[in-house]
PDB file of N, CA and C in Angstrom:
ATOM      1  N   MET A   1       0.898  -0.980   0.185  1.00  0.00           N
ATOM      2  CA  MET A   1       0.072   0.118  -0.405  1.00  0.00           C
ATOM      3  C   MET A   1       0.728   0.958  -0.043  1.00  0.00           C
ATOM      4  N   ALA A   2       0.660   2.129  -0.774  1.00  0.00           N
ATOM      5  CA  ALA A   2       1.440   3.410  -1.133  1.00  0.00           C
ATOM      6  C   ALA A   2       0.815   4.652   0.344  1.00  0.00           C
ATOM      7  N   GLU A   3       2.230   4.956   0.617  1.00  0.00           N
ATOM      8  CA  GLU A   3       2.240   5.456   2.199  1.00  0.00           C
ATOM      9  C   GLU A   3       1.535   6.968   1.359  1.00  0.00           C
ATOM     10  N   ARG A   4       0.730   7.379   2.999  1.00  0.00           N
ATOM     11  CA  ARG A   4      -0.246   8.307   3.106  1.00  0.00           C
ATOM     12  C   ARG A   4       0.467   9.709   3.163  1.00  0.00           C
ATOM     13  N   LYS A   5       0.707  10.673   2.162  1.00  0.00           N
ATOM     14  CA  LYS A   5       1.258  11.672   2.907  1.00  0.00           C
ATOM     15  C   LYS A   5       0.792  12.791   4.627  1.00  0.00           C
ATOM     16  N   HIS A   6       1.020  12.946   5.181  1.00  0.00           N
ATOM     17  CA  HIS A   6       0.228  13.448   6.324  1.00  0.00           C
ATOM     18  C   HIS A   6       0.558  14.529   6.297  1.00  0.00           C
ATOM     19  N   PHE A   7      -1.220  15.363   6.631  1.00  0.00           N
ATOM     20  CA  PHE A   7      -0.969  17.062   6.707  1.00  0.00           C
ATOM     21  C   PHE A   7      -0.506  17.425   8.310  1.00  0.00           C
ATOM     22  N   ASP A   8      -0.473  19.354   7.631  1.00  0.00           N
ATOM     23  CA  ASP A   8      -0.189  19.221   9.415  1.00  0.00           C
ATOM     24  C   ASP A   8      -1.321  20.463   9.457  1.00  0.00           C
ATOM     25  N   ASP A   9      -2.148  20.690  10.016  1.00  0.00           N
ATOM     26  CA  ASP A   9      -3.302  21.965  10.126  1.00  0.00           C
ATOM     27  C   ASP A   9      -2.844  22.921   9.278  1.00  0.00           C
ATOM     28  N   ARG A  10      -1.755  23.640   9.514  1.00  0.00           N
ATOM     29  CA  ARG A  10      -1.680  24.984   8.345  1.00  0.00           C
ATOM     30  C   ARG A  10      -1.792  24.488   7.316  1.00  0.00           C
ATOM     31  N   GLN A  11      -1.041  23.278   6.762  1.00  0.00           N
ATOM     32  CA  GLN A  11      -1.570  22.799   5.360  1.00  0.00           C
ATOM     33  C   GLN A  11      -2.501  22.406   4.853  1.00  0.00           C
ATOM     34  N   LEU A  12      -3.422  21.785   6.204  1.00  0.00           N
ATOM     35  CA  LEU A  12      -4.863  21.044   5.413  1.00  0.00           C
ATOM     36  C   LEU A  12      -5.620  22.416   5.037  1.00  0.00           C
ATOM     37  N   ASP A  13      -5.541  22.796   5.983  1.00  0.00           N
ATOM     38  CA  ASP A  13      -5.984  24.002   6.110  1.00  0.00           C
ATOM     39  C   ASP A  13      -6.616  25.574   4.529  1.00  0.00           C
ATOM     40  N   ALA A  14      -4.895  25.296   4.124  1.00  0.00           N
ATOM     41  CA  ALA A  14      -4.701  25.936   3.007  1.00  0.00           C
ATOM     42  C   ALA A  14      -4.777  24.785   1.379  1.00  0.00           C
ATOM     43  N   VAL A  15      -4.900  23.842   2.021  1.00  0.00           N
ATOM     44  CA  VAL A  15      -5.360  22.902   0.877  1.00  0.00           C
ATOM     45  C   VAL A  15      -7.168  23.625   0.550  1.00  0.00           C
ATOM     46  N   LEU A  16      -7.594  23.658   1.987  1.00  0.00           N
ATOM     47  CA  LEU A  16      -9.124  23.438   1.573  1.00  0.00           C
ATOM     48  C   LEU A  16      -9.661  24.854   1.796  1.00  0.00           C
ATOM     49  N   GLU A  17      -8.955  25.812   1.783  1.00  0.00           N
ATOM     50  CA  GLU A  17      -9.182  27.293   1.878  1.00  0.00           C
ATOM     51  C   GLU A  17      -8.580  27.106  -0.171  1.00  0.00           C
ATOM     52  N   ARG A  18      -7.762  26.809  -0.492  1.00  0.00           N
ATOM     53  CA  ARG A  18      -7.863  26.506  -2.005  1.00  0.00           C
ATOM     54  C   ARG A  18      -9.114  26.027  -2.649  1.00  0.00           C
ATOM     55  N   LEU A  19      -9.705  24.792  -2.214  1.00  0.00           N
ATOM     56  CA  LEU A  19     -10.659  24.101  -2.456  1.00  0.00           C
ATOM     57  C   LEU A  19     -12.199  24.639  -2.330  1.00  0.00           C
ATOM     58  N   ASP A  20     -12.039  25.573  -1.935  1.00  0.00           N
ATOM     59  CA  ASP A  20     -13.125  26.560  -1.576  1.00  0.00           C
ATOM     60  C   ASP A  20     -12.858  27.510  -2.635  1.00  0.00           C
ATOM     61  N   ARG A  21     -11.819  28.630  -3.099  1.00  0.00           N
ATOM     62  CA  ARG A  21     -11.531  29.198  -4.619  1.00  0.00           C
ATOM     63  C   ARG A  21     -11.835  28.106  -5.350  1.00  0.00           C
ATOM     64  N   LEU A  22     -11.753  27.327  -5.681  1.00  0.00           N
ATOM     65  CA  LEU A  22     -12.097  26.857  -6.748  1.00  0.00           C
ATOM     66  C   LEU A  22     -13.636  26.607  -7.080  1.00  0.00           C
ATOM     67  N   CYS A  23     -14.170  25.976  -6.023  1.00  0.00           N
ATOM     68  CA  CYS A  23     -16.139  25.804  -6.049  1.00  0.00           C
ATOM     69  C   CYS A  23     -16.134  26.934  -6.092  1.00  0.00           C
ATOM     70  N   ASP A  24     -15.365  28.416  -5.821  1.00  0.00           N
ATOM     71  CA  ASP A  24     -16.387  29.426  -5.871  1.00  0.00           C
ATOM     72  C   ASP A  24     -16.205  30.432  -7.558  1.00  0.00           C
ATOM     73  N   GLU A  25     -15.173  29.834  -8.002  1.00  0.00           N
ATOM     74  CA  GLU A  25     -14.926  29.997  -9.570  1.00  0.00           C
ATOM     75  C   GLU A  25     -15.566  28.645 -10.292  1.00  0.00           C
ATOM     76  N   VAL A  26     -15.845  27.962 -10.455  1.00  0.00           N
ATOM     77  CA  VAL A  26     -16.771  26.962 -10.567  1.00  0.00           C
ATOM     78  C   VAL A  26     -18.317  27.142 -10.858  1.00  0.00           C
ATOM     79  N   HIS A  27     -18.681  27.960  -9.705  1.00  0.00           N
ATOM     80  CA  HIS A  27     -19.764  28.282  -9.061  1.00  0.00           C
ATOM     81  C   HIS A  27     -19.874  29.233 -10.807  1.00  0.00           C
ATOM     82  N   ALA A  28     -19.654  30.607 -10.144  1.00  0.00           N
ATOM     83  CA  ALA A  28     -19.567  31.745 -11.205  1.00  0.00           C
ATOM     84  C   ALA A  28     -18.692  31.660 -12.490  1.00  0.00           C
ATOM     85  N   LEU A  29     -18.598  30.122 -12.976  1.00  0.00           N
ATOM     86  CA  LEU A  29     -18.079  29.746 -15.007  1.00  0.00           C
ATOM     87  C   LEU A  29     -19.985  28.908 -14.526  1.00  0.00           C
ATOM     88  N   ASN A  30     -20.548  28.221 -13.960  1.00  0.00           N
ATOM     89  CA  ASN A  30     -21.677  28.090 -14.248  1.00  0.00           C
ATOM     90  C   ASN A  30     -22.800  29.199 -14.286  1.00  0.00           C
ATOM     91  N   ARG A  31     -22.686  30.320 -13.722  1.00  0.00           N
ATOM     92  CA  ARG A  31     -23.945  31.137 -13.960  1.00  0.00           C
ATOM     93  C   ARG A  31     -23.143  32.186 -14.624  1.00  0.00           C
ATOM     94  N   ARG A  32     -22.188  32.315 -15.823  1.00  0.00           N
ATOM     95  CA  ARG A  32     -21.907  32.818 -16.838  1.00  0.00           C
ATOM     96  C   ARG A  32     -22.661  31.870 -18.156  1.00  0.00           C
ATOM     97  N   MET A  33     -22.247  30.327 -18.138  1.00  0.00           N
ATOM     98  CA  MET A  33     -22.908  29.708 -19.312  1.00  0.00           C
ATOM     99  C   MET A  33     -24.172  29.909 -18.705  1.00  0.00           C
ATOM    100  N   ASP A  34     -24.954  29.781 -17.801  1.00  0.00           N
ATOM    101  CA  ASP A  34     -26.239  29.797 -17.983  1.00  0.00           C
ATOM    102  C   ASP A  34     -27.092  31.184 -18.698  1.00  0.00           C
ATOM    103  N   SER A  35     -25.785  32.390 -17.858  1.00  0.00           N
ATOM    104  CA  SER A  35     -26.712  33.149 -19.194  1.00  0.00           C
ATOM    105  C   SER A  35     -26.174  33.302 -20.411  1.00  0.00           C
ATOM    106  N   ALA A  36     -24.869  32.529 -20.648  1.00  0.00           N
ATOM    107  CA  ALA A  36     -25.064  33.044 -22.176  1.00  0.00           C
ATOM    108  C   ALA A  36     -25.564  32.071 -22.891  1.00  0.00           C
ATOM    109  N   GLU A  37     -26.018  30.871 -22.286  1.00  0.00           N
ATOM    110  CA  GLU A  37     -27.462  29.808 -23.254  1.00  0.00           C
ATOM    111  C   GLU A  37     -28.776  30.749 -22.603  1.00  0.00           C
ATOM    112  N   GLY A  38     -29.043  31.609 -22.067  1.00  0.00           N
ATOM    113  CA  GLY A  38     -30.399  32.584 -22.371  1.00  0.00           C
ATOM    114  C   GLY A  38     -30.045  32.945 -23.248  1.00  0.00           C
ATOM    115  N   LEU A  39     -28.533  34.075 -23.249  1.00  0.00           N
ATOM    116  CA  LEU A  39     -28.450  34.385 -24.489  1.00  0.00           C
ATOM    117  C   LEU A  39     -28.538  33.706 -25.704  1.00  0.00           C
ATOM    118  N   LEU A  40     -27.909  32.930 -25.671  1.00  0.00           N
ATOM    119  CA  LEU A  40     -28.409  32.040 -27.083  1.00  0.00           C
ATOM    120  C   LEU A  40     -29.606  32.228 -27.943  1.00  0.00           C
ATOM    121  N   ARG A  41     -30.729  31.920 -26.388  1.00  0.00           N
ATOM    122  CA  ARG A  41     -31.729  31.718 -26.922  1.00  0.00           C
ATOM    123  C   ARG A  41     -32.860  32.713 -27.331  1.00  0.00           C
ATOM    124  N   ILE A  42     -32.354  33.832 -26.638  1.00  0.00           N
ATOM    125  CA  ILE A  42     -32.765  35.074 -27.075  1.00  0.00           C
ATOM    126  C   ILE A  42     -32.412  35.486 -28.561  1.00  0.00           C
ATOM    127  N   ALA A  43     -31.331  35.092 -28.871  1.00  0.00           N
ATOM    128  CA  ALA A  43     -30.152  35.650 -30.296  1.00  0.00           C
ATOM    129  C   ALA A  43     -31.186  34.728 -31.114  1.00  0.00           C
ATOM    130  N   HIS A  44     -31.987  33.495 -30.974  1.00  0.00           N
ATOM    131  CA  HIS A  44     -32.745  31.973 -31.532  1.00  0.00           C
ATOM    132  C   HIS A  44     -33.724  32.994 -31.781  1.00  0.00           C
ATOM    133  N   GLU A  45     -34.446  33.237 -31.079  1.00  0.00           N
ATOM    134  CA  GLU A  45     -35.881  33.997 -31.329  1.00  0.00           C
ATOM    135  C   GLU A  45     -35.980  35.008 -32.031  1.00  0.00           C
ATOM    136  N   LEU A  46     -35.093  36.184 -31.535  1.00  0.00           N
ATOM    137  CA  LEU A  46     -34.648  37.803 -32.317  1.00  0.00           C
ATOM    138  C   LEU A  46     -34.791  36.515 -34.387  1.00  0.00           C
ATOM    139  N   SER A  47     -33.769  36.477 -34.104  1.00  0.00           N
ATOM    140  CA  SER A  47     -33.774  35.877 -35.850  1.00  0.00           C
ATOM    141  C   SER A  47     -35.017  35.692 -36.273  1.00  0.00           C
ATOM    142  N   THR A  48     -35.530  34.457 -35.436  1.00  0.00           N
ATOM    143  CA  THR A  48     -37.025  33.916 -36.314  1.00  0.00           C
ATOM    144  C   THR A  48     -38.324  35.021 -35.964  1.00  0.00           C
ATOM    145  N   LEU A  49     -38.158  35.934 -35.557  1.00  0.00           N
ATOM    146  CA  LEU A  49     -38.820  37.522 -35.380  1.00  0.00           C
ATOM    147  C   LEU A  49     -38.177  37.949 -36.355  1.00  0.00           C
ATOM    148  N   ASN A  50     -36.895  38.179 -36.596  1.00  0.00           N
ATOM    149  CA  ASN A  50     -36.518  38.797 -38.115  1.00  0.00           C
ATOM    150  C   ASN A  50     -37.113  38.220 -39.041  1.00  0.00           C
ATOM    151  N   GLU A  51     -36.977  36.881 -39.613  1.00  0.00           N
ATOM    152  CA  GLU A  51     -37.423  36.194 -40.727  1.00  0.00           C
ATOM    153  C   GLU A  51     -38.908  36.435 -41.410  1.00  0.00           C
ATOM    154  N   SER A  52     -40.014  36.174 -39.768  1.00  0.00           N
ATOM    155  CA  SER A  52     -41.102  36.479 -39.901  1.00  0.00           C
ATOM    156  C   SER A  52     -41.322  38.232 -40.717  1.00  0.00           C
ATOM    157  N   LEU A  53     -40.965  39.224 -39.905  1.00  0.00           N
ATOM    158  CA  LEU A  53     -41.303  40.186 -40.103  1.00  0.00           C
ATOM    159  C   LEU A  53     -40.788  40.654 -41.532  1.00  0.00           C
ATOM    160  N   GLN A  54     -39.748  39.872 -42.369  1.00  0.00           N
ATOM    161  CA  GLN A  54     -40.009  40.167 -43.578  1.00  0.00           C
ATOM    162  C   GLN A  54     -40.461  39.162 -44.736  1.00  0.00           C
ATOM    163  N   ALA A  55     -41.258  38.335 -44.368  1.00  0.00           N
ATOM    164  CA  ALA A  55     -41.958  37.422 -44.878  1.00  0.00           C
ATOM    165  C   ALA A  55     -43.002  38.306 -44.765  1.00  0.00           C
ATOM    166  N   LEU A  56     -44.058  39.033 -43.961  1.00  0.00           N
ATOM    167  CA  LEU A  56     -44.773  39.133 -43.710  1.00  0.00           C
ATOM    168  C   LEU A  56     -44.192  40.678 -44.663  1.00  0.00           C
ATOM    169  N   ALA A  57     -43.783  41.205 -43.854  1.00  0.00           N
ATOM    170  CA  ALA A  57     -43.280  42.401 -44.639  1.00  0.00           C
ATOM    171  C   ALA A  57     -43.074  42.119 -47.015  1.00  0.00           C
ATOM    172  N   TYR A  58     -42.608  41.614 -47.314  1.00  0.00           N
ATOM    173  CA  TYR A  58     -43.104  41.243 -48.807  1.00  0.00           C
ATOM    174  C   TYR A  58     -44.423  40.457 -48.863  1.00  0.00           C
ATOM    175  N   ALA A  59     -45.026  39.974 -48.561  1.00  0.00           N
ATOM    176  CA  ALA A  59     -46.123  39.505 -47.814  1.00  0.00           C
ATOM    177  C   ALA A  59     -47.383  40.357 -48.953  1.00  0.00           C
ATOM    178  N   ALA A  60     -46.778  41.965 -48.035  1.00  0.00           N
ATOM    179  CA  ALA A  60     -47.424  42.739 -47.700  1.00  0.00           C
ATOM    180  C   ALA A  60     -47.537  44.281 -49.143  1.00  0.00           C
ATOM    181  N   LEU A  61     -45.962  43.666 -49.646  1.00  0.00           N
ATOM    182  CA  LEU A  61     -45.800  44.339 -50.778  1.00  0.00           C
ATOM    183  C   LEU A  61     -46.723  42.846 -52.429  1.00  0.00           C
ATOM    184  N   GLY A  62     -47.090  42.615 -52.459  1.00  0.00           N
ATOM    185  CA  GLY A  62     -47.290  42.367 -53.187  1.00  0.00           C
ATOM    186  C   GLY A  62     -46.977  41.578 -54.485  1.00  0.00           C
ATOM    187  N   GLN A  63     -47.279  41.963 -55.817  1.00  0.00           N
ATOM    188  CA  GLN A  63     -46.153  41.366 -56.948  1.00  0.00           C
ATOM    189  C   GLN A  63     -45.449  42.010 -57.269  1.00  0.00           C
ATOM    190  N   GLN A  64     -45.443  43.634 -56.933  1.00  0.00           N
ATOM    191  CA  GLN A  64     -44.692  44.968 -56.961  1.00  0.00           C
ATOM    192  C   GLN A  64     -43.014  45.064 -56.180  1.00  0.00           C
ATOM    193  N   GLY A  65     -42.464  45.024 -56.489  1.00  0.00           N
ATOM    194  CA  GLY A  65     -41.361  45.517 -55.853  1.00  0.00           C
ATOM    195  C   GLY A  65     -41.428  46.649 -54.798  1.00  0.00           C
ATOM    196  N   PRO A  66     -40.187  46.994 -54.151  1.00  0.00           N
ATOM    197  CA  PRO A  66     -40.789  48.771 -53.290  1.00  0.00           C
ATOM    198  C   PRO A  66     -40.285  49.576 -54.359  1.00  0.00           C
ATOM    199  N   GLN A  67     -40.806  50.323 -54.396  1.00  0.00           N
ATOM    200  CA  GLN A  67     -41.052  51.650 -54.485  1.00  0.00           C
ATOM    201  C   GLN A  67     -39.473  52.613 -54.096  1.00  0.00           C
ATOM    202  N   VAL A  68     -38.872  52.830 -54.737  1.00  0.00           N
ATOM    203  CA  VAL A  68     -37.125  53.054 -53.866  1.00  0.00           C
ATOM    204  C   VAL A  68     -37.318  54.919 -54.956  1.00  0.00           C
ATOM    205  N   ARG A  69     -36.900  55.903 -54.171  1.00  0.00           N
ATOM    206  CA  ARG A  69     -36.998  57.150 -54.286  1.00  0.00           C
ATOM    207  C   ARG A  69     -35.551  57.477 -53.836  1.00  0.00           C
ATOM    208  N   ARG A  70     -35.175  57.312 -55.049  1.00  0.00           N
ATOM    209  CA  ARG A  70     -33.180  58.294 -54.647  1.00  0.00           C
ATOM    210  C   ARG A  70     -33.066  59.744 -54.414  1.00  0.00           C
ATOM    211  N   ARG A  71     -32.033  59.638 -53.725  1.00  0.00           N
ATOM    212  CA  ARG A  71     -31.773  61.358 -54.111  1.00  0.00           C
ATOM    213  C   ARG A  71     -31.259  61.968 -54.916  1.00  0.00           C
ATOM    214  N   ARG A  72     -31.369  63.222 -55.118  1.00  0.00           N
ATOM    215  CA  ARG A  72     -30.498  63.259 -55.784  1.00  0.00           C
ATOM    216  C   ARG A  72     -28.758  64.030 -55.550  1.00  0.00           C
ATOM    217  N   SER A  73     -27.759  64.082 -56.002  1.00  0.00           N
ATOM    218  CA  SER A  73     -26.669  64.853 -55.007  1.00  0.00           C
ATOM    219  C   SER A  73     -26.552  66.334 -55.485  1.00  0.00           C
ATOM    220  N   ALA A  74     -26.349  66.652 -54.566  1.00  0.00           N
ATOM    221  CA  ALA A  74     -26.493  67.605 -54.543  1.00  0.00           C
ATOM    222  C   ALA A  74     -24.873  68.945 -55.854  1.00  0.00           C
TER     223      ALA A  74
END
């Protein structure tokens, strides 16, 4: 059986403190990922809405294309 390394109280406290910091960092990363997933869903919905609005705009134009007036250069 492999030898086990014994920690004194100070070393154990340092290891536990480091573990606590790592846990805090993992929690922060999870919050960021949750937020990013929410933003991806919003972006997808906005894209779908944009496509729907474009389809409605073209349907409202009917068979004719848009009439665009060009400005004259001064």
